[in-house]
Amino acid sequence: VHGILEMHENGPSQKGVKVRCMIRRHQGKMTLGIFHGNYLASEMGYILLEEAYVTSHLEKPHMFAIGLCSAGEYLTDSEIYFFCKTSRSRDKWVEALIKAGCRGKSFF
């Protein structure tokens, strides 16, 4: 799964950055690679999906958030917010992230 999303690091009300994201195998583990704009050669970083969770909110149908887990606890301060063009696209991302190893946090 890959596509262009808008990423918000400091909460959904802050100004976002256009990024290309891709679920892929990196160093033998499933990750979400995050790249500047359309440039796959310019990686900003990645999230190791087995150490992360994904959540979405009914009141924001185009948004999902990814955060880190530690010792079975959700670290909500670590959440990064991603906005899709449609709620259907958001649902596909959430499903793909869970299939790739991300934990699903209670959806609001």
PDB file of N, CA and C in Angstrom:
ATOM      1  N   VAL A   1       0.851  -1.168   0.000  1.00  0.00           N
ATOM      2  CA  VAL A   1       0.000   0.000   0.000  1.00  0.00           C
ATOM      3  C   VAL A   1       0.899   1.234   0.000  1.00  0.00           C
ATOM      4  N   HIS A   2       0.547   2.218  -0.816  1.00  0.00           N
ATOM      5  CA  HIS A   2       1.307   3.462  -0.862  1.00  0.00           C
ATOM      6  C   HIS A   2       0.412   4.578  -1.359  1.00  0.00           C
ATOM      7  N   GLY A   3       0.789   5.799  -1.065  1.00  0.00           N
ATOM      8  CA  GLY A   3       0.019   6.937  -1.524  1.00  0.00           C
ATOM      9  C   GLY A   3       0.454   8.223  -0.862  1.00  0.00           C
ATOM     10  N   ILE A   4      -0.159   9.324  -1.332  1.00  0.00           N
ATOM     11  CA  ILE A   4       0.126  10.651  -0.808  1.00  0.00           C
ATOM     12  C   ILE A   4      -0.856  10.944   0.329  1.00  0.00           C
ATOM     13  N   LEU A   5      -0.323  11.359   1.463  1.00  0.00           N
ATOM     14  CA  LEU A   5      -1.118  11.715   2.634  1.00  0.00           C
ATOM     15  C   LEU A   5      -0.651  13.066   3.150  1.00  0.00           C
ATOM     16  N   GLU A   6      -1.452  13.650   4.036  1.00  0.00           N
ATOM     17  CA  GLU A   6      -1.027  14.857   4.724  1.00  0.00           C
ATOM     18  C   GLU A   6      -0.696  14.451   6.159  1.00  0.00           C
ATOM     19  N   MET A   7       0.528  14.739   6.595  1.00  0.00           N
ATOM     20  CA  MET A   7       0.994  14.315   7.912  1.00  0.00           C
ATOM     21  C   MET A   7       1.030  15.511   8.857  1.00  0.00           C
ATOM     22  N   HIS A   8       0.510  15.294  10.084  1.00  0.00           N
ATOM     23  CA  HIS A   8       0.514  16.308  11.132  1.00  0.00           C
ATOM     24  C   HIS A   8       1.210  15.697  12.341  1.00  0.00           C
ATOM     25  N   GLU A   9       2.339  16.247  12.721  1.00  0.00           N
ATOM     26  CA  GLU A   9       3.091  15.684  13.850  1.00  0.00           C
ATOM     27  C   GLU A   9       2.646  16.220  15.195  1.00  0.00           C
ATOM     28  N   ASN A  10       2.121  17.429  15.245  1.00  0.00           N
ATOM     29  CA  ASN A  10       1.786  18.063  16.526  1.00  0.00           C
ATOM     30  C   ASN A  10       0.287  18.233  16.710  1.00  0.00           C
ATOM     31  N   GLY A  11      -0.475  17.255  16.283  1.00  0.00           N
ATOM     32  CA  GLY A  11      -1.922  17.312  16.452  1.00  0.00           C
ATOM     33  C   GLY A  11      -2.627  17.659  15.157  1.00  0.00           C
ATOM     34  N   PRO A  12      -3.864  17.205  15.021  1.00  0.00           N
ATOM     35  CA  PRO A  12      -4.583  17.385  13.765  1.00  0.00           C
ATOM     36  C   PRO A  12      -4.937  18.829  13.445  1.00  0.00           C
ATOM     37  N   SER A  13      -4.875  19.731  14.428  1.00  0.00           N
ATOM     38  CA  SER A  13      -5.221  21.124  14.151  1.00  0.00           C
ATOM     39  C   SER A  13      -4.038  21.926  13.617  1.00  0.00           C
ATOM     40  N   GLN A  14      -2.857  21.357  13.665  1.00  0.00           N
ATOM     41  CA  GLN A  14      -1.658  22.042  13.182  1.00  0.00           C
ATOM     42  C   GLN A  14      -1.528  21.906  11.667  1.00  0.00           C
ATOM     43  N   LYS A  15      -0.689  22.748  11.074  1.00  0.00           N
ATOM     44  CA  LYS A  15      -0.447  22.697   9.634  1.00  0.00           C
ATOM     45  C   LYS A  15       0.248  21.390   9.272  1.00  0.00           C
ATOM     46  N   GLY A  16      -0.203  20.757   8.198  1.00  0.00           N
ATOM     47  CA  GLY A  16       0.337  19.476   7.788  1.00  0.00           C
ATOM     48  C   GLY A  16       1.356  19.585   6.667  1.00  0.00           C
ATOM     49  N   VAL A  17       2.007  18.460   6.394  1.00  0.00           N
ATOM     50  CA  VAL A  17       3.015  18.346   5.347  1.00  0.00           C
ATOM     51  C   VAL A  17       2.586  17.229   4.409  1.00  0.00           C
ATOM     52  N   LYS A  18       2.688  17.467   3.110  1.00  0.00           N
ATOM     53  CA  LYS A  18       2.373  16.440   2.116  1.00  0.00           C
ATOM     54  C   LYS A  18       3.514  15.425   2.078  1.00  0.00           C
ATOM     55  N   VAL A  19       3.171  14.139   2.281  1.00  0.00           N
ATOM     56  CA  VAL A  19       4.177  13.072   2.277  1.00  0.00           C
ATOM     57  C   VAL A  19       3.676  11.897   1.445  1.00  0.00           C
ATOM     58  N   ARG A  20       4.612  11.119   0.971  1.00  0.00           N
ATOM     59  CA  ARG A  20       4.282   9.840   0.334  1.00  0.00           C
ATOM     60  C   ARG A  20       4.604   8.768   1.356  1.00  0.00           C
ATOM     61  N   CYS A  21       3.641   7.873   1.600  1.00  0.00           N
ATOM     62  CA  CYS A  21       3.836   6.795   2.552  1.00  0.00           C
ATOM     63  C   CYS A  21       3.744   5.451   1.839  1.00  0.00           C
ATOM     64  N   MET A  22       4.477   4.481   2.359  1.00  0.00           N
ATOM     65  CA  MET A  22       4.512   3.164   1.743  1.00  0.00           C
ATOM     66  C   MET A  22       4.703   2.106   2.830  1.00  0.00           C
ATOM     67  N   ILE A  23       3.813   1.119   2.845  1.00  0.00           N
ATOM     68  CA  ILE A  23       3.991  -0.033   3.731  1.00  0.00           C
ATOM     69  C   ILE A  23       4.925  -0.993   3.003  1.00  0.00           C
ATOM     70  N   ARG A  24       6.005  -1.368   3.668  1.00  0.00           N
ATOM     71  CA  ARG A  24       7.017  -2.208   2.997  1.00  0.00           C
ATOM     72  C   ARG A  24       7.819  -2.988   4.027  1.00  0.00           C
ATOM     73  N   ARG A  25       8.569  -3.937   3.520  1.00  0.00           N
ATOM     74  CA  ARG A  25       9.497  -4.693   4.360  1.00  0.00           C
ATOM     75  C   ARG A  25      10.832  -3.945   4.323  1.00  0.00           C
ATOM     76  N   HIS A  26      11.363  -3.628   5.510  1.00  0.00           N
ATOM     77  CA  HIS A  26      12.627  -2.900   5.623  1.00  0.00           C
ATOM     78  C   HIS A  26      13.471  -3.615   6.669  1.00  0.00           C
ATOM     79  N   GLN A  27      14.619  -4.073   6.294  1.00  0.00           N
ATOM     80  CA  GLN A  27      15.523  -4.816   7.180  1.00  0.00           C
ATOM     81  C   GLN A  27      14.802  -5.997   7.830  1.00  0.00           C
ATOM     82  N   GLY A  28      13.955  -6.671   7.042  1.00  0.00           N
ATOM     83  CA  GLY A  28      13.271  -7.881   7.490  1.00  0.00           C
ATOM     84  C   GLY A  28      12.015  -7.654   8.311  1.00  0.00           C
ATOM     85  N   LYS A  29      11.620  -6.397   8.514  1.00  0.00           N
ATOM     86  CA  LYS A  29      10.422  -6.102   9.309  1.00  0.00           C
ATOM     87  C   LYS A  29       9.501  -5.178   8.517  1.00  0.00           C
ATOM     88  N   MET A  30       8.200  -5.249   8.834  1.00  0.00           N
ATOM     89  CA  MET A  30       7.225  -4.406   8.145  1.00  0.00           C
ATOM     90  C   MET A  30       7.268  -2.997   8.729  1.00  0.00           C
ATOM     91  N   THR A  31       7.337  -2.014   7.845  1.00  0.00           N
ATOM     92  CA  THR A  31       7.424  -0.620   8.261  1.00  0.00           C
ATOM     93  C   THR A  31       6.476   0.241   7.431  1.00  0.00           C
ATOM     94  N   LEU A  32       6.224   1.434   7.949  1.00  0.00           N
ATOM     95  CA  LEU A  32       5.581   2.484   7.175  1.00  0.00           C
ATOM     96  C   LEU A  32       6.677   3.482   6.855  1.00  0.00           C
ATOM     97  N   GLY A  33       7.111   3.501   5.599  1.00  0.00           N
ATOM     98  CA  GLY A  33       8.120   4.455   5.162  1.00  0.00           C
ATOM     99  C   GLY A  33       7.453   5.785   4.861  1.00  0.00           C
ATOM    100  N   ILE A  34       8.077   6.887   5.289  1.00  0.00           N
ATOM    101  CA  ILE A  34       7.534   8.233   5.084  1.00  0.00           C
ATOM    102  C   ILE A  34       8.560   9.024   4.282  1.00  0.00           C
ATOM    103  N   PHE A  35       8.117   9.564   3.133  1.00  0.00           N
ATOM    104  CA  PHE A  35       9.005  10.242   2.191  1.00  0.00           C
ATOM    105  C   PHE A  35       8.534  11.669   1.944  1.00  0.00           C
ATOM    106  N   HIS A  36       9.465  12.571   1.645  1.00  0.00           N
ATOM    107  CA  HIS A  36       9.135  13.952   1.294  1.00  0.00           C
ATOM    108  C   HIS A  36       8.321  13.972   0.005  1.00  0.00           C
ATOM    109  N   GLY A  37       7.149  14.589   0.016  1.00  0.00           N
ATOM    110  CA  GLY A  37       6.341  14.787  -1.188  1.00  0.00           C
ATOM    111  C   GLY A  37       6.229  13.551  -2.045  1.00  0.00           C
ATOM    112  N   ASN A  38       6.600  13.668  -3.309  1.00  0.00           N
ATOM    113  CA  ASN A  38       6.525  12.557  -4.262  1.00  0.00           C
ATOM    114  C   ASN A  38       7.852  11.818  -4.421  1.00  0.00           C
ATOM    115  N   TYR A  39       8.851  12.162  -3.648  1.00  0.00           N
ATOM    116  CA  TYR A  39      10.201  11.678  -3.895  1.00  0.00           C
ATOM    117  C   TYR A  39      10.544  10.469  -3.037  1.00  0.00           C
ATOM    118  N   LEU A  40      10.530   9.288  -3.627  1.00  0.00           N
ATOM    119  CA  LEU A  40      10.858   8.075  -2.894  1.00  0.00           C
ATOM    120  C   LEU A  40      12.335   8.006  -2.520  1.00  0.00           C
ATOM    121  N   ALA A  41      13.159   8.824  -3.142  1.00  0.00           N
ATOM    122  CA  ALA A  41      14.584   8.838  -2.819  1.00  0.00           C
ATOM    123  C   ALA A  41      14.861   9.669  -1.565  1.00  0.00           C
ATOM    124  N   SER A  42      13.869  10.399  -1.076  1.00  0.00           N
ATOM    125  CA  SER A  42      14.063  11.307   0.049  1.00  0.00           C
ATOM    126  C   SER A  42      13.237  10.854   1.249  1.00  0.00           C
ATOM    127  N   GLU A  43      13.725   9.819   1.940  1.00  0.00           N
ATOM    128  CA  GLU A  43      12.993   9.259   3.069  1.00  0.00           C
ATOM    129  C   GLU A  43      13.167  10.127   4.316  1.00  0.00           C
ATOM    130  N   MET A  44      12.045  10.485   4.946  1.00  0.00           N
ATOM    131  CA  MET A  44      12.057  11.249   6.189  1.00  0.00           C
ATOM    132  C   MET A  44      12.293  10.320   7.374  1.00  0.00           C
ATOM    133  N   GLY A  45      11.785   9.097   7.257  1.00  0.00           N
ATOM    134  CA  GLY A  45      11.917   8.128   8.331  1.00  0.00           C
ATOM    135  C   GLY A  45      10.922   7.004   8.135  1.00  0.00           C
ATOM    136  N   TYR A  46      10.842   6.125   9.122  1.00  0.00           N
ATOM    137  CA  TYR A  46       9.887   5.027   9.034  1.00  0.00           C
ATOM    138  C   TYR A  46       9.427   4.652  10.434  1.00  0.00           C
ATOM    139  N   ILE A  47       8.282   3.980  10.489  1.00  0.00           N
ATOM    140  CA  ILE A  47       7.713   3.492  11.738  1.00  0.00           C
ATOM    141  C   ILE A  47       7.714   1.973  11.673  1.00  0.00           C
ATOM    142  N   LEU A  48       8.306   1.336  12.654  1.00  0.00           N
ATOM    143  CA  LEU A  48       8.316  -0.122  12.747  1.00  0.00           C
ATOM    144  C   LEU A  48       6.928  -0.556  13.225  1.00  0.00           C
ATOM    145  N   LEU A  49       6.172  -1.225  12.363  1.00  0.00           N
ATOM    146  CA  LEU A  49       4.765  -1.485  12.634  1.00  0.00           C
ATOM    147  C   LEU A  49       4.519  -2.442  13.789  1.00  0.00           C
ATOM    148  N   GLU A  50       5.425  -3.353  14.066  1.00  0.00           N
ATOM    149  CA  GLU A  50       5.212  -4.271  15.191  1.00  0.00           C
ATOM    150  C   GLU A  50       5.329  -3.553  16.537  1.00  0.00           C
ATOM    151  N   GLU A  51       5.866  -2.338  16.550  1.00  0.00           N
ATOM    152  CA  GLU A  51       5.988  -1.550  17.769  1.00  0.00           C
ATOM    153  C   GLU A  51       5.019  -0.371  17.789  1.00  0.00           C
ATOM    154  N   ALA A  52       3.992  -0.423  16.926  1.00  0.00           N
ATOM    155  CA  ALA A  52       3.086   0.717  16.782  1.00  0.00           C
ATOM    156  C   ALA A  52       1.630   0.271  16.847  1.00  0.00           C
ATOM    157  N   TYR A  53       0.763   1.272  17.006  1.00  0.00           N
ATOM    158  CA  TYR A  53      -0.682   1.039  16.945  1.00  0.00           C
ATOM    159  C   TYR A  53      -1.301   2.064  16.005  1.00  0.00           C
ATOM    160  N   VAL A  54      -2.475   1.754  15.508  1.00  0.00           N
ATOM    161  CA  VAL A  54      -3.214   2.672  14.640  1.00  0.00           C
ATOM    162  C   VAL A  54      -4.604   2.864  15.227  1.00  0.00           C
ATOM    163  N   THR A  55      -5.123   4.059  15.104  1.00  0.00           N
ATOM    164  CA  THR A  55      -6.470   4.375  15.571  1.00  0.00           C
ATOM    165  C   THR A  55      -7.103   5.378  14.615  1.00  0.00           C
ATOM    166  N   SER A  56      -8.418   5.422  14.624  1.00  0.00           N
ATOM    167  CA  SER A  56      -9.135   6.408  13.816  1.00  0.00           C
ATOM    168  C   SER A  56     -10.298   6.933  14.647  1.00  0.00           C
ATOM    169  N   HIS A  57     -10.894   8.014  14.190  1.00  0.00           N
ATOM    170  CA  HIS A  57     -11.942   8.686  14.951  1.00  0.00           C
ATOM    171  C   HIS A  57     -13.147   8.945  14.047  1.00  0.00           C
ATOM    172  N   LEU A  58     -14.338   8.650  14.549  1.00  0.00           N
ATOM    173  CA  LEU A  58     -15.555   8.857  13.765  1.00  0.00           C
ATOM    174  C   LEU A  58     -15.766  10.321  13.415  1.00  0.00           C
ATOM    175  N   GLU A  59     -15.397  11.229  14.320  1.00  0.00           N
ATOM    176  CA  GLU A  59     -15.626  12.653  14.050  1.00  0.00           C
ATOM    177  C   GLU A  59     -14.646  13.229  13.030  1.00  0.00           C
ATOM    178  N   LYS A  60     -13.600  12.487  12.694  1.00  0.00           N
ATOM    179  CA  LYS A  60     -12.639  12.901  11.659  1.00  0.00           C
ATOM    180  C   LYS A  60     -12.503  11.749  10.669  1.00  0.00           C
ATOM    181  N   PRO A  61     -13.463  11.601   9.750  1.00  0.00           N
ATOM    182  CA  PRO A  61     -13.523  10.409   8.900  1.00  0.00           C
ATOM    183  C   PRO A  61     -12.375  10.256   7.902  1.00  0.00           C
ATOM    184  N   HIS A  62     -11.571  11.288   7.698  1.00  0.00           N
ATOM    185  CA  HIS A  62     -10.457  11.177   6.752  1.00  0.00           C
ATOM    186  C   HIS A  62      -9.121  10.985   7.467  1.00  0.00           C
ATOM    187  N   MET A  63      -9.127  10.900   8.791  1.00  0.00           N
ATOM    188  CA  MET A  63      -7.896  10.867   9.570  1.00  0.00           C
ATOM    189  C   MET A  63      -7.666   9.518  10.252  1.00  0.00           C
ATOM    190  N   PHE A  64      -6.387   9.130  10.339  1.00  0.00           N
ATOM    191  CA  PHE A  64      -5.982   8.047  11.228  1.00  0.00           C
ATOM    192  C   PHE A  64      -4.711   8.495  11.934  1.00  0.00           C
ATOM    193  N   ALA A  65      -4.415   7.871  13.053  1.00  0.00           N
ATOM    194  CA  ALA A  65      -3.215   8.214  13.819  1.00  0.00           C
ATOM    195  C   ALA A  65      -2.416   6.951  14.078  1.00  0.00           C
ATOM    196  N   ILE A  66      -1.101   7.109  14.096  1.00  0.00           N
ATOM    197  CA  ILE A  66      -0.192   6.017  14.433  1.00  0.00           C
ATOM    198  C   ILE A  66       0.644   6.475  15.623  1.00  0.00           C
ATOM    199  N   GLY A  67       0.732   5.603  16.630  1.00  0.00           N
ATOM    200  CA  GLY A  67       1.544   5.890  17.802  1.00  0.00           C
ATOM    201  C   GLY A  67       2.376   4.678  18.165  1.00  0.00           C
ATOM    202  N   LEU A  68       3.236   4.845  19.133  1.00  0.00           N
ATOM    203  CA  LEU A  68       4.120   3.762  19.555  1.00  0.00           C
ATOM    204  C   LEU A  68       3.567   3.044  20.778  1.00  0.00           C
ATOM    205  N   CYS A  69       3.934   1.766  20.916  1.00  0.00           N
ATOM    206  CA  CYS A  69       3.581   0.945  22.076  1.00  0.00           C
ATOM    207  C   CYS A  69       4.867   0.609  22.823  1.00  0.00           C
ATOM    208  N   SER A  70       4.755   0.555  24.145  1.00  0.00           N
ATOM    209  CA  SER A  70       5.885   0.146  24.958  1.00  0.00           C
ATOM    210  C   SER A  70       5.351  -0.664  26.133  1.00  0.00           C
ATOM    211  N   ALA A  71       5.859  -1.855  26.300  1.00  0.00           N
ATOM    212  CA  ALA A  71       5.437  -2.743  27.386  1.00  0.00           C
ATOM    213  C   ALA A  71       3.918  -2.899  27.429  1.00  0.00           C
ATOM    214  N   GLY A  72       3.301  -3.000  26.244  1.00  0.00           N
ATOM    215  CA  GLY A  72       1.865  -3.211  26.143  1.00  0.00           C
ATOM    216  C   GLY A  72       1.018  -1.966  26.350  1.00  0.00           C
ATOM    217  N   GLU A  73       1.638  -0.802  26.525  1.00  0.00           N
ATOM    218  CA  GLU A  73       0.901   0.438  26.729  1.00  0.00           C
ATOM    219  C   GLU A  73       0.985   1.308  25.485  1.00  0.00           C
ATOM    220  N   TYR A  74      -0.109   2.022  25.220  1.00  0.00           N
ATOM    221  CA  TYR A  74      -0.157   2.959  24.096  1.00  0.00           C
ATOM    222  C   TYR A  74       0.425   4.298  24.531  1.00  0.00           C
ATOM    223  N   LEU A  75       1.421   4.776  23.818  1.00  0.00           N
ATOM    224  CA  LEU A  75       2.052   6.063  24.123  1.00  0.00           C
ATOM    225  C   LEU A  75       1.380   7.136  23.270  1.00  0.00           C
ATOM    226  N   THR A  76       0.263   7.667  23.765  1.00  0.00           N
ATOM    227  CA  THR A  76      -0.547   8.596  22.960  1.00  0.00           C
ATOM    228  C   THR A  76       0.198   9.882  22.624  1.00  0.00           C
ATOM    229  N   ASP A  77       1.191  10.263  23.424  1.00  0.00           N
ATOM    230  CA  ASP A  77       1.984  11.460  23.107  1.00  0.00           C
ATOM    231  C   ASP A  77       2.831  11.278  21.851  1.00  0.00           C
ATOM    232  N   SER A  78       2.985  10.038  21.407  1.00  0.00           N
ATOM    233  CA  SER A  78       3.815   9.759  20.230  1.00  0.00           C
ATOM    234  C   SER A  78       3.007   9.781  18.930  1.00  0.00           C
ATOM    235  N   GLU A  79       1.691  10.006  19.003  1.00  0.00           N
ATOM    236  CA  GLU A  79       0.839   9.896  17.813  1.00  0.00           C
ATOM    237  C   GLU A  79       1.197  10.903  16.725  1.00  0.00           C
ATOM    238  N   ILE A  80       1.214  10.392  15.502  1.00  0.00           N
ATOM    239  CA  ILE A  80       1.350  11.206  14.300  1.00  0.00           C
ATOM    240  C   ILE A  80       0.050  11.027  13.534  1.00  0.00           C
ATOM    241  N   TYR A  81      -0.498  12.117  13.041  1.00  0.00           N
ATOM    242  CA  TYR A  81      -1.803  12.098  12.378  1.00  0.00           C
ATOM    243  C   TYR A  81      -1.629  12.166  10.874  1.00  0.00           C
ATOM    244  N   PHE A  82      -2.419  11.345  10.174  1.00  0.00           N
ATOM    245  CA  PHE A  82      -2.394  11.311   8.720  1.00  0.00           C
ATOM    246  C   PHE A  82      -3.807  11.551   8.198  1.00  0.00           C
ATOM    247  N   PHE A  83      -3.911  12.385   7.176  1.00  0.00           N
ATOM    248  CA  PHE A  83      -5.198  12.682   6.562  1.00  0.00           C
ATOM    249  C   PHE A  83      -5.209  12.170   5.128  1.00  0.00           C
ATOM    250  N   CYS A  84      -6.292  11.474   4.782  1.00  0.00           N
ATOM    251  CA  CYS A  84      -6.519  10.937   3.440  1.00  0.00           C
ATOM    252  C   CYS A  84      -7.547  11.805   2.733  1.00  0.00           C
ATOM    253  N   LYS A  85      -7.682  11.613   1.426  1.00  0.00           N
ATOM    254  CA  LYS A  85      -8.673  12.378   0.667  1.00  0.00           C
ATOM    255  C   LYS A  85     -10.094  11.908   0.939  1.00  0.00           C
ATOM    256  N   THR A  86     -10.276  10.617   1.249  1.00  0.00           N
ATOM    257  CA  THR A  86     -11.615  10.077   1.483  1.00  0.00           C
ATOM    258  C   THR A  86     -11.607   9.167   2.707  1.00  0.00           C
ATOM    259  N   SER A  87     -12.773   8.942   3.282  1.00  0.00           N
ATOM    260  CA  SER A  87     -12.872   8.022   4.412  1.00  0.00           C
ATOM    261  C   SER A  87     -12.606   6.587   3.962  1.00  0.00           C
ATOM    262  N   ARG A  88     -12.969   6.271   2.732  1.00  0.00           N
ATOM    263  CA  ARG A  88     -12.693   4.932   2.185  1.00  0.00           C
ATOM    264  C   ARG A  88     -11.183   4.679   2.102  1.00  0.00           C
ATOM    265  N   SER A  89     -10.445   5.681   1.673  1.00  0.00           N
ATOM    266  CA  SER A  89      -8.986   5.573   1.612  1.00  0.00           C
ATOM    267  C   SER A  89      -8.412   5.395   3.013  1.00  0.00           C
ATOM    268  N   ARG A  90      -8.944   6.132   3.986  1.00  0.00           N
ATOM    269  CA  ARG A  90      -8.514   5.993   5.379  1.00  0.00           C
ATOM    270  C   ARG A  90      -8.734   4.560   5.867  1.00  0.00           C
ATOM    271  N   ASP A  91      -9.910   4.010   5.566  1.00  0.00           N
ATOM    272  CA  ASP A  91     -10.222   2.647   5.997  1.00  0.00           C
ATOM    273  C   ASP A  91      -9.256   1.633   5.380  1.00  0.00           C
ATOM    274  N   LYS A  92      -8.874   1.837   4.122  1.00  0.00           N
ATOM    275  CA  LYS A  92      -7.917   0.940   3.468  1.00  0.00           C
ATOM    276  C   LYS A  92      -6.544   1.020   4.135  1.00  0.00           C
ATOM    277  N   TRP A  93      -6.108   2.236   4.486  1.00  0.00           N
ATOM    278  CA  TRP A  93      -4.830   2.391   5.173  1.00  0.00           C
ATOM    279  C   TRP A  93      -4.847   1.696   6.528  1.00  0.00           C
ATOM    280  N   VAL A  94      -5.912   1.911   7.303  1.00  0.00           N
ATOM    281  CA  VAL A  94      -6.002   1.303   8.633  1.00  0.00           C
ATOM    282  C   VAL A  94      -5.981  -0.217   8.516  1.00  0.00           C
ATOM    283  N   GLU A  95      -6.746  -0.765   7.594  1.00  0.00           N
ATOM    284  CA  GLU A  95      -6.777  -2.219   7.393  1.00  0.00           C
ATOM    285  C   GLU A  95      -5.397  -2.748   6.995  1.00  0.00           C
ATOM    286  N   ALA A  96      -4.740  -2.070   6.062  1.00  0.00           N
ATOM    287  CA  ALA A  96      -3.415  -2.516   5.606  1.00  0.00           C
ATOM    288  C   ALA A  96      -2.378  -2.430   6.722  1.00  0.00           C
ATOM    289  N   LEU A  97      -2.439  -1.378   7.534  1.00  0.00           N
ATOM    290  CA  LEU A  97      -1.491  -1.241   8.648  1.00  0.00           C
ATOM    291  C   LEU A  97      -1.668  -2.358   9.664  1.00  0.00           C
ATOM    292  N   ILE A  98      -2.911  -2.722   9.960  1.00  0.00           N
ATOM    293  CA  ILE A  98      -3.166  -3.813  10.904  1.00  0.00           C
ATOM    294  C   ILE A  98      -2.691  -5.143  10.324  1.00  0.00           C
ATOM    295  N   LYS A  99      -2.957  -5.375   9.043  1.00  0.00           N
ATOM    296  CA  LYS A  99      -2.490  -6.616   8.398  1.00  0.00           C
ATOM    297  C   LYS A  99      -0.970  -6.709   8.388  1.00  0.00           C
ATOM    298  N   ALA A 100      -0.300  -5.551   8.343  1.00  0.00           N
ATOM    299  CA  ALA A 100       1.165  -5.529   8.291  1.00  0.00           C
ATOM    300  C   ALA A 100       1.804  -5.623   9.678  1.00  0.00           C
ATOM    301  N   GLY A 101       0.989  -5.668  10.747  1.00  0.00           N
ATOM    302  CA  GLY A 101       1.552  -5.880  12.067  1.00  0.00           C
ATOM    303  C   GLY A 101       1.271  -4.799  13.097  1.00  0.00           C
ATOM    304  N   CYS A 102       0.654  -3.707  12.694  1.00  0.00           N
ATOM    305  CA  CYS A 102       0.289  -2.634  13.622  1.00  0.00           C
ATOM    306  C   CYS A 102      -0.850  -3.114  14.522  1.00  0.00           C
ATOM    307  N   ARG A 103      -0.832  -2.740  15.764  1.00  0.00           N
ATOM    308  CA  ARG A 103      -1.948  -3.059  16.647  1.00  0.00           C
ATOM    309  C   ARG A 103      -3.083  -2.082  16.399  1.00  0.00           C
ATOM    310  N   GLY A 104      -4.296  -2.549  16.532  1.00  0.00           N
ATOM    311  CA  GLY A 104      -5.453  -1.678  16.413  1.00  0.00           C
ATOM    312  C   GLY A 104      -5.885  -1.208  17.793  1.00  0.00           C
ATOM    313  N   LYS A 105      -5.852   0.093  18.016  1.00  0.00           N
ATOM    314  CA  LYS A 105      -6.312   0.663  19.279  1.00  0.00           C
ATOM    315  C   LYS A 105      -7.814   0.901  19.157  1.00  0.00           C
ATOM    316  N   SER A 106      -8.540   0.906  20.247  1.00  0.00           N
ATOM    317  CA  SER A 106      -9.985   1.161  20.215  1.00  0.00           C
ATOM    318  C   SER A 106     -10.280   2.359  19.329  1.00  0.00           C
ATOM    319  N   PHE A 107     -11.188   2.158  18.408  1.00  0.00           N
ATOM    320  CA  PHE A 107     -11.527   3.217  17.470  1.00  0.00           C
ATOM    321  C   PHE A 107     -12.631   4.070  18.069  1.00  0.00           C
ATOM    322  N   PHE A 108     -12.472   5.375  17.953  1.00  0.00           N
ATOM    323  CA  PHE A 108     -13.430   6.320  18.547  1.00  0.00           C
ATOM    324  C   PHE A 108     -14.372   6.847  17.495  1.00  0.00           C
TER     325      PHE A 108
END
